[in-house]
C-alpha atoms as a PDB file:
ATOM      1  CA  VAL A   1      97.959  11.997  -1.268  1.00  0.00           C
ATOM      2  CA  SER A   2      97.111  12.521   2.410  1.00  0.00           C
ATOM      3  CA  ALA A   3     100.249  10.722   3.603  1.00  0.00           C
ATOM      4  CA  LEU A   4     102.518  12.662   1.250  1.00  0.00           C
ATOM      5  CA  ALA A   5     100.896  15.941   2.251  1.00  0.00           C
ATOM      6  CA  ARG A   6     101.596  15.219   5.917  1.00  0.00           C
ATOM      7  CA  LEU A   7     105.149  14.111   5.135  1.00  0.00           C
ATOM      8  CA  TYR A   8     106.001  17.294   3.258  1.00  0.00           C
ATOM      9  CA  GLY A   9     103.817  19.659   5.268  1.00  0.00           C
ATOM     10  CA  VAL A  10     101.572  20.546   2.337  1.00  0.00           C
ATOM     11  CA  GLN A  11      98.349  22.327   3.281  1.00  0.00           C
ATOM     12  CA  GLY A  12      95.312  23.527   1.366  1.00  0.00           C
ATOM     13  CA  GLU A  13      92.863  21.898  -1.058  1.00  0.00           C
ATOM     14  CA  LEU A  14      94.076  18.350  -1.719  1.00  0.00           C
ATOM     15  CA  SER A  15      90.921  16.606  -2.938  1.00  0.00           C
ATOM     16  CA  ALA A  16      91.481  17.938  -6.476  1.00  0.00           C
ATOM     17  CA  VAL A  17      94.887  16.240  -6.461  1.00  0.00           C
ATOM     18  CA  ALA A  18      93.409  12.966  -5.195  1.00  0.00           C
ATOM     19  CA  ARG A  19      90.698  13.155  -7.861  1.00  0.00           C
ATOM     20  CA  ARG A  20      93.313  12.891 -10.595  1.00  0.00           C
ATOM     21  CA  GLY A  21      94.070   9.389  -9.399  1.00  0.00           C
ATOM     22  CA  SER A  22      90.485   8.353  -8.687  1.00  0.00           C
ATOM     23  CA  GLY A  23      87.211  10.214  -8.551  1.00  0.00           C
ATOM     24  CA  SER A  24      86.186   8.291  -5.456  1.00  0.00           C
ATOM     25  CA  ALA A  25      89.495   9.061  -3.754  1.00  0.00           C
ATOM     26  CA  CYS A  26      88.748  12.768  -3.457  1.00  0.00           C
ATOM     27  CA  ARG A  27      85.835  12.008  -1.121  1.00  0.00           C
ATOM     28  CA  SER A  28      88.176  10.171   1.240  1.00  0.00           C
ATOM     29  CA  MET A  29      90.201  13.298   1.920  1.00  0.00           C
ATOM     30  CA  LEU A  30      87.520  14.579   4.295  1.00  0.00           C
ATOM     31  CA  GLY A  31      85.706  12.895   7.165  1.00  0.00           C
ATOM     32  CA  GLY A  32      81.993  12.524   7.741  1.00  0.00           C
ATOM     33  CA  PHE A  33      79.503  12.997   4.915  1.00  0.00           C
ATOM     34  CA  VAL A  34      81.220  14.194   1.754  1.00  0.00           C
ATOM     35  CA  GLN A  35      79.964  15.387  -1.635  1.00  0.00           C
ATOM     36  CA  TRP A  36      82.093  15.249  -4.766  1.00  0.00           C
ATOM     37  CA  GLN A  37      81.238  18.446  -6.604  1.00  0.00           C
ATOM     38  CA  ARG A  38      80.898  18.202 -10.352  1.00  0.00           C
ATOM     39  CA  GLY A  39      82.494  21.578 -11.047  1.00  0.00           C
ATOM     40  CA  GLU A  40      82.224  23.747 -14.148  1.00  0.00           C
ATOM     41  CA  ARG A  41      85.781  24.397 -15.294  1.00  0.00           C
ATOM     42  CA  ALA A  42      87.179  22.527 -18.290  1.00  0.00           C
ATOM     43  CA  ASP A  43      90.407  21.752 -16.429  1.00  0.00           C
ATOM     44  CA  GLY A  44      88.456  20.161 -13.558  1.00  0.00           C
ATOM     45  CA  GLU A  45      90.137  22.260 -10.878  1.00  0.00           C
ATOM     46  CA  ASP A  46      86.793  23.052  -9.244  1.00  0.00           C
ATOM     47  CA  SER A  47      85.733  19.394  -9.166  1.00  0.00           C
ATOM     48  CA  VAL A  48      86.574  18.916  -5.507  1.00  0.00           C
ATOM     49  CA  ALA A  49      85.211  17.321  -2.353  1.00  0.00           C
ATOM     50  CA  LEU A  50      83.013  19.240   0.070  1.00  0.00           C
ATOM     51  CA  GLN A  51      82.083  18.095   3.563  1.00  0.00           C
ATOM     52  CA  VAL A  52      78.294  18.063   3.947  1.00  0.00           C
ATOM     53  CA  ALA A  53      78.394  17.221   7.668  1.00  0.00           C
ATOM     54  CA  PRO A  54      81.122  16.114  10.112  1.00  0.00           C
ATOM     55  CA  GLU A  55      81.471  12.543  11.324  1.00  0.00           C
ATOM     56  CA  THR A  56      79.918  13.557  14.677  1.00  0.00           C
ATOM     57  CA  HIS A  57      76.700  14.777  13.049  1.00  0.00           C
ATOM     58  CA  TRP A  58      74.712  11.509  13.074  1.00  0.00           C
ATOM     59  CA  PRO A  59      76.163   9.291  15.810  1.00  0.00           C
ATOM     60  CA  GLU A  60      73.379   6.681  15.587  1.00  0.00           C
ATOM     61  CA  LEU A  61      74.004   5.914  11.914  1.00  0.00           C
ATOM     62  CA  ARG A  62      75.729   2.606  11.211  1.00  0.00           C
ATOM     63  CA  VAL A  63      77.060   0.978   8.058  1.00  0.00           C
ATOM     64  CA  LEU A  64      77.179  -2.724   7.182  1.00  0.00           C
ATOM     65  CA  VAL A  65      79.424  -3.630   4.258  1.00  0.00           C
ATOM     66  CA  LEU A  66      78.226  -6.959   2.848  1.00  0.00           C
ATOM     67  CA  VAL A  67      81.117  -8.546   0.970  1.00  0.00           C
ATOM     68  CA  VAL A  68      79.713 -10.794  -1.738  1.00  0.00           C
ATOM     69  CA  SER A  69      82.829 -11.109  -3.875  1.00  0.00           C
ATOM     70  CA  ALA A  70      86.443  -9.951  -3.716  1.00  0.00           C
ATOM     71  CA  GLU A  71      87.149 -10.952  -7.306  1.00  0.00           C
ATOM     72  CA  LYS A  72      88.132  -8.482 -10.007  1.00  0.00           C
ATOM     73  CA  LYS A  73      85.138  -7.060 -11.866  1.00  0.00           C
ATOM     74  CA  PRO A  74      84.687  -8.179 -15.506  1.00  0.00           C
ATOM     75  CA  VAL A  75      84.186  -4.518 -16.477  1.00  0.00           C
ATOM     76  CA  GLY A  76      86.168  -1.905 -14.580  1.00  0.00           C
ATOM     77  CA  SER A  77      84.432   1.187 -13.212  1.00  0.00           C
ATOM     78  CA  THR A  78      86.291   3.670 -15.414  1.00  0.00           C
ATOM     79  CA  ALA A  79      85.834   1.718 -18.645  1.00  0.00           C
ATOM     80  CA  GLY A  80      82.228   0.943 -17.795  1.00  0.00           C
ATOM     81  CA  MET A  81      81.355   4.556 -17.094  1.00  0.00           C
ATOM     82  CA  GLN A  82      82.973   5.685 -20.333  1.00  0.00           C
ATOM     83  CA  THR A  83      80.859   3.198 -22.275  1.00  0.00           C
ATOM     84  CA  SER A  84      77.743   4.370 -20.420  1.00  0.00           C
ATOM     85  CA  VAL A  85      78.506   8.001 -21.268  1.00  0.00           C
ATOM     86  CA  GLU A  86      78.828   7.066 -24.935  1.00  0.00           C
ATOM     87  CA  THR A  87      75.794   4.785 -25.254  1.00  0.00           C
ATOM     88  CA  SER A  88      73.208   5.353 -22.481  1.00  0.00           C
ATOM     89  CA  PRO A  89      70.512   8.021 -23.041  1.00  0.00           C
ATOM     90  CA  LEU A  90      69.261   7.254 -19.536  1.00  0.00           C
ATOM     91  CA  LEU A  91      72.594   8.300 -18.030  1.00  0.00           C
ATOM     92  CA  LYS A  92      72.458  11.635 -19.851  1.00  0.00           C
ATOM     93  CA  HIS A  93      68.903  12.256 -18.618  1.00  0.00           C
ATOM     94  CA  ARG A  94      69.848  11.217 -15.097  1.00  0.00           C
ATOM     95  CA  ALA A  95      72.879  13.528 -14.968  1.00  0.00           C
ATOM     96  CA  GLU A  96      71.030  16.542 -16.336  1.00  0.00           C
ATOM     97  CA  ALA A  97      67.528  16.213 -14.903  1.00  0.00           C
ATOM     98  CA  LEU A  98      67.706  14.112 -11.752  1.00  0.00           C
ATOM     99  CA  VAL A  99      71.078  14.060 -10.018  1.00  0.00           C
ATOM    100  CA  PRO A 100      71.337  17.770  -9.060  1.00  0.00           C
ATOM    101  CA  GLU A 101      68.004  17.663  -7.229  1.00  0.00           C
ATOM    102  CA  ARG A 102      68.807  14.329  -5.606  1.00  0.00           C
ATOM    103  CA  VAL A 103      72.162  15.597  -4.341  1.00  0.00           C
ATOM    104  CA  ALA A 104      70.438  18.573  -2.716  1.00  0.00           C
ATOM    105  CA  LEU A 105      67.764  16.320  -1.215  1.00  0.00           C
ATOM    106  CA  MET A 106      70.340  13.905   0.179  1.00  0.00           C
ATOM    107  CA  ALA A 107      72.239  16.746   1.844  1.00  0.00           C
ATOM    108  CA  ARG A 108      68.992  17.938   3.420  1.00  0.00           C
ATOM    109  CA  HIS A 109      68.067  14.459   4.684  1.00  0.00           C
ATOM    110  CA  ILE A 110      71.532  14.128   6.229  1.00  0.00           C
ATOM    111  CA  HIS A 111      71.319  17.524   7.919  1.00  0.00           C
ATOM    112  CA  GLU A 112      67.859  16.637   9.281  1.00  0.00           C
ATOM    113  CA  ARG A 113      68.948  13.096  10.217  1.00  0.00           C
ATOM    114  CA  ASP A 114      65.811  11.821   8.478  1.00  0.00           C
ATOM    115  CA  PHE A 115      66.590   8.122   8.083  1.00  0.00           C
ATOM    116  CA  GLU A 116      63.333   7.266   6.301  1.00  0.00           C
ATOM    117  CA  ALA A 117      63.934   9.816   3.536  1.00  0.00           C
ATOM    118  CA  PHE A 118      67.698   9.190   3.495  1.00  0.00           C
ATOM    119  CA  GLY A 119      67.257   5.446   3.097  1.00  0.00           C
ATOM    120  CA  GLN A 120      64.551   5.683   0.450  1.00  0.00           C
ATOM    121  CA  LEU A 121      66.640   8.038  -1.671  1.00  0.00           C
ATOM    122  CA  ALA A 122      69.799   5.948  -1.268  1.00  0.00           C
ATOM    123  CA  MET A 123      68.009   2.833  -2.528  1.00  0.00           C
ATOM    124  CA  ARG A 124      66.208   4.555  -5.383  1.00  0.00           C
ATOM    125  CA  ASP A 125      69.389   6.202  -6.600  1.00  0.00           C
ATOM    126  CA  SER A 126      71.329   2.938  -6.398  1.00  0.00           C
ATOM    127  CA  ASN A 127      68.627   1.194  -8.432  1.00  0.00           C
ATOM    128  CA  GLN A 128      68.696   3.934 -11.036  1.00  0.00           C
ATOM    129  CA  PHE A 129      72.471   3.840 -11.318  1.00  0.00           C
ATOM    130  CA  HIS A 130      72.301   0.137 -12.118  1.00  0.00           C
ATOM    131  CA  ALA A 131      69.475   0.823 -14.572  1.00  0.00           C
ATOM    132  CA  THR A 132      71.931   3.014 -16.496  1.00  0.00           C
ATOM    133  CA  CYS A 133      74.358   0.097 -16.489  1.00  0.00           C
ATOM    134  CA  LEU A 134      71.684  -2.065 -18.124  1.00  0.00           C
ATOM    135  CA  ASP A 135      70.899   0.781 -20.543  1.00  0.00           C
ATOM    136  CA  THR A 136      74.552   0.815 -21.596  1.00  0.00           C
ATOM    137  CA  PHE A 137      75.330  -1.004 -24.835  1.00  0.00           C
ATOM    138  CA  PRO A 138      76.516  -3.680 -24.449  1.00  0.00           C
ATOM    139  CA  PRO A 139      74.876  -3.829 -21.016  1.00  0.00           C
ATOM    140  CA  ILE A 140      76.969  -4.020 -17.854  1.00  0.00           C
ATOM    141  CA  PHE A 141      75.937  -6.412 -15.079  1.00  0.00           C
ATOM    142  CA  TYR A 142      77.560  -5.424 -11.799  1.00  0.00           C
ATOM    143  CA  LEU A 143      74.967  -7.021  -9.515  1.00  0.00           C
ATOM    144  CA  ASN A 144      74.793 -10.794  -9.188  1.00  0.00           C
ATOM    145  CA  GLU A 145      72.215 -13.189  -7.775  1.00  0.00           C
ATOM    146  CA  VAL A 146      73.385 -12.659  -4.188  1.00  0.00           C
ATOM    147  CA  SER A 147      73.141  -8.885  -4.662  1.00  0.00           C
ATOM    148  CA  ARG A 148      69.551  -9.266  -5.812  1.00  0.00           C
ATOM    149  CA  ARG A 149      68.781 -11.520  -2.852  1.00  0.00           C
ATOM    150  CA  ILE A 150      70.095  -8.821  -0.511  1.00  0.00           C
ATOM    151  CA  ILE A 151      67.900  -6.196  -2.188  1.00  0.00           C
ATOM    152  CA  ALA A 152      64.805  -8.377  -1.848  1.00  0.00           C
ATOM    153  CA  LEU A 153      65.650  -9.189   1.786  1.00  0.00           C
ATOM    154  CA  VAL A 154      65.944  -5.497   2.664  1.00  0.00           C
ATOM    155  CA  HIS A 155      62.542  -4.765   1.136  1.00  0.00           C
ATOM    156  CA  ARG A 156      60.893  -7.688   2.958  1.00  0.00           C
ATOM    157  CA  TYR A 157      62.467  -6.576   6.234  1.00  0.00           C
ATOM    158  CA  ASN A 158      61.290  -2.994   5.809  1.00  0.00           C
ATOM    159  CA  GLY A 159      57.882  -4.177   4.636  1.00  0.00           C
ATOM    160  CA  HIS A 160      57.432  -6.242   7.780  1.00  0.00           C
ATOM    161  CA  HIS A 161      58.280  -3.265   9.985  1.00  0.00           C
ATOM    162  CA  GLY A 162      56.185  -0.860   7.917  1.00  0.00           C
ATOM    163  CA  ARG A 163      59.010   1.655   7.518  1.00  0.00           C
ATOM    164  CA  THR A 164      62.556   1.974   6.240  1.00  0.00           C
ATOM    165  CA  LYS A 165      64.807   0.480   8.917  1.00  0.00           C
ATOM    166  CA  VAL A 166      67.644  -0.593   6.613  1.00  0.00           C
ATOM    167  CA  ALA A 167      68.707   0.759   3.227  1.00  0.00           C
ATOM    168  CA  TYR A 168      71.070  -0.626   0.598  1.00  0.00           C
ATOM    169  CA  THR A 169      73.282   0.974  -1.981  1.00  0.00           C
ATOM    170  CA  PHE A 170      75.596  -0.649  -4.524  1.00  0.00           C
ATOM    171  CA  ASP A 171      78.403   0.955  -6.474  1.00  0.00           C
ATOM    172  CA  ALA A 172      79.980  -0.659  -9.546  1.00  0.00           C
ATOM    173  CA  GLY A 173      80.136  -4.142  -8.082  1.00  0.00           C
ATOM    174  CA  PRO A 174      78.126  -6.857  -6.300  1.00  0.00           C
ATOM    175  CA  ASN A 175      78.950  -5.839  -2.718  1.00  0.00           C
ATOM    176  CA  ALA A 176      76.237  -4.067  -0.743  1.00  0.00           C
ATOM    177  CA  VAL A 177      76.507  -1.182   1.680  1.00  0.00           C
ATOM    178  CA  VAL A 178      73.582  -1.253   4.089  1.00  0.00           C
ATOM    179  CA  PHE A 179      72.692   1.713   6.293  1.00  0.00           C
ATOM    180  CA  ALA A 180      70.838   1.303   9.582  1.00  0.00           C
ATOM    181  CA  LEU A 181      70.444   3.029  12.910  1.00  0.00           C
ATOM    182  CA  ALA A 182      72.285   1.534  15.865  1.00  0.00           C
ATOM    183  CA  ASP A 183      69.189  -0.023  17.456  1.00  0.00           C
ATOM    184  CA  THR A 184      68.453  -2.008  14.270  1.00  0.00           C
ATOM    185  CA  VAL A 185      71.884  -3.500  13.622  1.00  0.00           C
ATOM    186  CA  ALA A 186      71.767  -6.542  15.913  1.00  0.00           C
ATOM    187  CA  GLU A 187      68.408  -7.774  14.621  1.00  0.00           C
ATOM    188  CA  PHE A 188      69.295  -7.266  10.970  1.00  0.00           C
ATOM    189  CA  VAL A 189      72.698  -8.947  11.335  1.00  0.00           C
ATOM    190  CA  GLU A 190      70.937 -12.005  12.758  1.00  0.00           C
ATOM    191  CA  VAL A 191      68.573 -11.951   9.765  1.00  0.00           C
ATOM    192  CA  LEU A 192      71.644 -11.864   7.514  1.00  0.00           C
ATOM    193  CA  ARG A 193      73.194 -14.808   9.362  1.00  0.00           C
ATOM    194  CA  ARG A 194      70.078 -16.893   8.815  1.00  0.00           C
ATOM    195  CA  SER A 195      69.675 -15.822   5.194  1.00  0.00           C
ATOM    196  CA  PHE A 196      73.340 -16.347   4.292  1.00  0.00           C
ATOM    197  CA  PRO A 197      74.724 -18.812   6.861  1.00  0.00           C
ATOM    198  CA  PRO A 198      78.511 -18.427   7.203  1.00  0.00           C
ATOM    199  CA  ALA A 199      80.794 -21.109   5.822  1.00  0.00           C
ATOM    200  CA  PRO A 200      82.042 -23.672   8.397  1.00  0.00           C
ATOM    201  CA  ASN A 201      85.288 -21.716   8.700  1.00  0.00           C
ATOM    202  CA  GLY A 202      83.422 -18.411   8.854  1.00  0.00           C
ATOM    203  CA  ASP A 203      84.702 -17.324  12.260  1.00  0.00           C
ATOM    204  CA  ARG A 204      85.490 -13.930  10.692  1.00  0.00           C
ATOM    205  CA  PHE A 205      82.039 -13.517   9.174  1.00  0.00           C
ATOM    206  CA  LEU A 206      81.295 -10.430  11.278  1.00  0.00           C
ATOM    207  CA  GLN A 207      84.089  -7.874  11.517  1.00  0.00           C
ATOM    208  CA  GLY A 208      84.482  -4.321  12.764  1.00  0.00           C
ATOM    209  CA  LEU A 209      82.395  -2.889  15.588  1.00  0.00           C
ATOM    210  CA  PRO A 210      80.932  -5.496  17.968  1.00  0.00           C
ATOM    211  CA  VAL A 211      77.311  -6.541  17.538  1.00  0.00           C
ATOM    212  CA  GLU A 212      75.233  -7.873  20.410  1.00  0.00           C
ATOM    213  CA  PRO A 213      73.447 -11.218  19.884  1.00  0.00           C
ATOM    214  CA  ALA A 214      69.796 -10.902  18.924  1.00  0.00           C
ATOM    215  CA  SER A 215      66.750 -13.170  18.823  1.00  0.00           C
ATOM    216  CA  PRO A 216      64.354 -11.839  16.169  1.00  0.00           C
ATOM    217  CA  PRO A 217      60.681 -12.615  16.848  1.00  0.00           C
ATOM    218  CA  PRO A 218      59.260 -15.634  14.989  1.00  0.00           C
ATOM    219  CA  GLU A 219      56.809 -13.512  12.996  1.00  0.00           C
ATOM    220  CA  LEU A 220      59.696 -11.456  11.598  1.00  0.00           C
ATOM    221  CA  LEU A 221      61.655 -14.539  10.578  1.00  0.00           C
ATOM    222  CA  GLU A 222      58.586 -16.064   8.957  1.00  0.00           C
ATOM    223  CA  ALA A 223      57.984 -12.878   6.969  1.00  0.00           C
ATOM    224  CA  VAL A 224      61.513 -12.239   5.707  1.00  0.00           C
ATOM    225  CA  LEU A 225      63.431 -15.516   5.490  1.00  0.00           C
ATOM    226  CA  GLN A 226      63.533 -17.619   2.338  1.00  0.00           C
ATOM    227  CA  GLU A 227      65.713 -20.544   1.292  1.00  0.00           C
ATOM    228  CA  PRO A 228      69.129 -19.788   2.815  1.00  0.00           C
ATOM    229  CA  LEU A 229      72.267 -19.440   0.690  1.00  0.00           C
ATOM    230  CA  PRO A 230      75.097 -20.846   2.828  1.00  0.00           C
ATOM    231  CA  GLY A 231      78.464 -19.178   2.284  1.00  0.00           C
ATOM    232  CA  ALA A 232      77.104 -16.600  -0.177  1.00  0.00           C
ATOM    233  CA  LEU A 233      78.326 -13.713   1.985  1.00  0.00           C
ATOM    234  CA  ARG A 234      82.072 -13.739   2.557  1.00  0.00           C
ATOM    235  CA  SER A 235      81.896 -11.292   5.455  1.00  0.00           C
ATOM    236  CA  VAL A 236      79.996  -8.394   7.019  1.00  0.00           C
ATOM    237  CA  LEU A 237      81.910  -5.318   8.170  1.00  0.00           C
ATOM    238  CA  HIS A 238      80.141  -3.213  10.809  1.00  0.00           C
ATOM    239  CA  THR A 239      81.307   0.386  11.025  1.00  0.00           C
ATOM    240  CA  LYS A 240      80.169   3.989  11.462  1.00  0.00           C
END
């Protein structure tokens, strides 16, 4: 949509057009932190993307995309969500009673650059989304064993530090998106390397923005590391 708009000189609201192809696509029409508004109209014309904050708003925030699997999902996102809408009472409760407040809270945490609150809410909301997948009938299992290992690792890491230094979120799939501030990335990437040692040919294990080598203190490694899973992570993409 963006490329065609530039080619033909089209201006104006384009996220509604992108949304017709994919709900997630509408959020990609704007930079920075973006909210996909639910809208009220039956034709969906007011279900558009809104920029919450520009990409320059939180320069210290970093993103690690942990690629667990590149295989096609057994249950696609669209089909899975339709089944959840039809069968999950938890999804209905979540949409009506919880999501509006959480969206407002997340926007506030972003504006205030409050990583502790931002990270806590991101993880809780991710967990609840996957709870609705389990509440669907038949249940949908997007997370796998490696996903669950990542979740547990994040909580051990934060527990050792006594605060939220990294935060995960998962969409409809096993791959994790981990948020961290810039001064945490190097240490946590080294923890990932030791938890999920790259395959022998894993020279492209870490991609994206460069990460400085780190030597985590022994007490941290003792607290967070468990039996490693070699090759379980295909790659880690470091970005902003």
